[in-house]
Protein backbone atom coordinates (compact mmCIF):
# COMPACT_ATOMS: atom_id res chain seq x y z
CA MET A 1 -42.76 -26.07 -222.27
CA ASN A 2 -40.04 -26.63 -219.64
CA ALA A 3 -42.38 -28.72 -217.55
CA ALA A 4 -43.17 -31.02 -220.49
CA ARG A 5 -39.46 -31.33 -221.27
CA GLY A 6 -38.69 -32.16 -217.62
CA ALA A 7 -41.50 -34.83 -217.55
CA LEU A 8 -40.11 -36.33 -220.73
CA LEU A 9 -36.58 -36.50 -219.28
CA PHE A 10 -37.87 -37.97 -216.06
CA THR A 11 -39.73 -40.68 -218.03
CA LEU A 12 -36.70 -41.40 -220.11
CA PHE A 13 -34.27 -41.72 -217.26
CA LEU A 14 -36.48 -43.35 -214.61
CA PRO A 15 -35.72 -46.91 -215.71
CA PHE A 16 -32.03 -46.26 -215.42
CA VAL A 17 -32.26 -44.84 -211.90
CA ALA A 18 -34.59 -47.59 -210.77
CA SER A 19 -32.28 -50.22 -212.33
CA ALA A 20 -29.20 -48.76 -210.42
CA GLN A 21 -31.21 -48.82 -207.15
CA PHE A 22 -32.34 -52.44 -207.82
CA GLU A 23 -28.72 -53.50 -208.45
CA ALA A 24 -27.60 -51.90 -205.24
CA LEU A 25 -30.32 -53.77 -203.29
CA GLN A 26 -29.29 -57.02 -205.01
CA GLU A 27 -25.66 -56.50 -203.99
CA ALA A 28 -26.67 -55.90 -200.39
CA ALA A 29 -28.85 -58.98 -200.39
CA GLN A 30 -26.14 -61.05 -201.88
CA ASP A 31 -23.77 -59.90 -199.06
CA GLU A 32 -26.20 -61.09 -196.50
CA MET A 33 -26.77 -64.44 -198.30
CA THR A 34 -23.01 -65.25 -198.59
CA ALA A 35 -22.70 -64.69 -194.91
CA GLY A 36 -25.27 -67.41 -194.17
CA PHE A 37 -28.20 -65.01 -194.39
CA TYR A 38 -27.69 -63.27 -191.02
CA THR A 39 -24.70 -63.29 -188.67
CA GLY A 40 -25.06 -62.78 -184.85
CA ASN A 41 -23.83 -59.21 -185.45
CA ARG A 42 -26.71 -58.48 -187.78
CA LEU A 43 -29.17 -60.20 -185.48
CA TYR A 44 -27.88 -58.20 -182.45
CA GLU A 45 -28.48 -55.00 -184.46
CA MET A 46 -32.10 -56.01 -184.95
CA ARG A 47 -32.82 -56.47 -181.28
CA GLY A 48 -35.92 -54.65 -180.02
CA THR A 49 -37.64 -55.08 -183.43
CA VAL A 50 -40.43 -57.37 -184.59
CA GLN A 51 -38.02 -58.86 -187.09
CA PHE A 52 -35.70 -60.00 -184.21
CA VAL A 53 -38.49 -61.78 -182.45
CA THR A 54 -39.95 -63.40 -185.54
CA TYR A 55 -36.44 -64.61 -186.67
CA ILE A 56 -35.97 -66.18 -183.30
CA LEU A 57 -39.41 -67.89 -183.36
CA GLY A 58 -38.72 -69.18 -186.81
CA VAL A 59 -35.36 -70.76 -185.78
CA HIS A 60 -37.04 -72.14 -182.66
CA ASP A 61 -39.88 -73.72 -184.56
CA ALA A 62 -37.59 -75.11 -187.23
CA SER A 63 -35.08 -76.55 -184.72
CA LYS A 64 -37.49 -77.95 -182.17
CA ALA A 65 -37.69 -81.35 -183.84
CA ARG A 66 -34.04 -81.91 -183.14
CA LEU A 67 -34.68 -82.02 -179.36
CA THR A 68 -31.51 -80.17 -178.52
CA PHE A 69 -33.49 -77.73 -176.33
CA CYS A 70 -36.80 -78.00 -174.46
CA THR A 71 -38.54 -74.58 -173.86
CA PRO A 72 -41.16 -74.34 -171.12
CA ARG A 73 -44.73 -74.68 -172.28
CA GLU A 74 -45.52 -71.24 -170.86
CA SER A 75 -42.57 -69.50 -172.70
CA THR A 76 -43.39 -66.54 -174.93
CA GLY A 77 -41.80 -65.10 -178.02
CA ARG A 78 -40.61 -62.10 -175.94
CA GLN A 79 -39.06 -64.44 -173.46
CA LEU A 80 -37.20 -66.32 -176.18
CA ALA A 81 -35.99 -63.05 -177.62
CA ASP A 82 -34.75 -61.88 -174.16
CA VAL A 83 -32.75 -65.12 -173.80
CA VAL A 84 -31.21 -64.73 -177.22
CA GLU A 85 -30.39 -61.06 -176.72
CA LYS A 86 -28.69 -61.81 -173.39
CA TYR A 87 -26.69 -64.61 -174.97
CA LEU A 88 -25.51 -62.30 -177.78
CA ARG A 89 -24.74 -59.46 -175.36
CA ASP A 90 -22.78 -61.75 -173.03
CA ASN A 91 -20.84 -63.52 -175.86
CA PRO A 92 -19.75 -60.80 -178.29
CA GLY A 93 -16.89 -62.91 -179.53
CA VAL A 94 -19.28 -65.39 -181.25
CA ARG A 95 -21.50 -62.88 -183.02
CA ASP A 96 -19.59 -63.39 -186.38
CA ARG A 97 -21.14 -66.83 -186.61
CA GLN A 98 -24.46 -67.67 -188.32
CA ALA A 99 -27.39 -66.28 -186.49
CA HIS A 100 -29.52 -69.41 -186.63
CA GLN A 101 -26.87 -71.40 -184.86
CA LEU A 102 -26.44 -68.77 -182.14
CA VAL A 103 -30.15 -68.78 -181.45
CA ARG A 104 -30.06 -72.57 -181.02
CA ASP A 105 -26.99 -72.24 -178.80
CA ALA A 106 -28.74 -69.70 -176.57
CA LEU A 107 -31.80 -71.95 -176.29
CA VAL A 108 -29.72 -74.99 -175.56
CA VAL A 109 -27.71 -73.25 -172.81
CA THR A 110 -30.93 -71.92 -171.26
CA TRP A 111 -33.20 -74.87 -171.65
CA PRO A 112 -31.41 -78.18 -172.18
CA CYS A 113 -33.70 -81.16 -172.55
CA SER A 114 -32.26 -82.78 -169.47
CA ALA A 115 -34.25 -80.31 -167.31
CA PRO A 116 -37.56 -81.63 -165.92
CA GLN A 117 -41.05 -80.39 -166.96
CA ARG A 118 -40.17 -79.06 -170.36
CA SER A 119 -42.11 -79.30 -173.54
CA ARG A 120 -40.67 -81.06 -176.59
């Protein structure tokens, strides 16, 4: 009888628990979004992960049409991630800025379009 009562209570309260967890996740996501999605601090915390590399590749691909940087044809995602990680490590004072801008800054500093033999 106690197991049935426990199952009933669990069934009745589950929506409330799930709702509270969902609201907490929404608040955390809202905090990230109001900060411009990610800051450089958040991106720096992600270094060494697949998310770090994919974020950088996404910014790279979305920004490439602006021709503010020209990466080598042979560059890899890991190399781009290394460049951005070094930039963030060497410039901790800028990590409060939006991550996408810091990725572009790192790529411009490393591979400006004025350099010869670069892809566009």
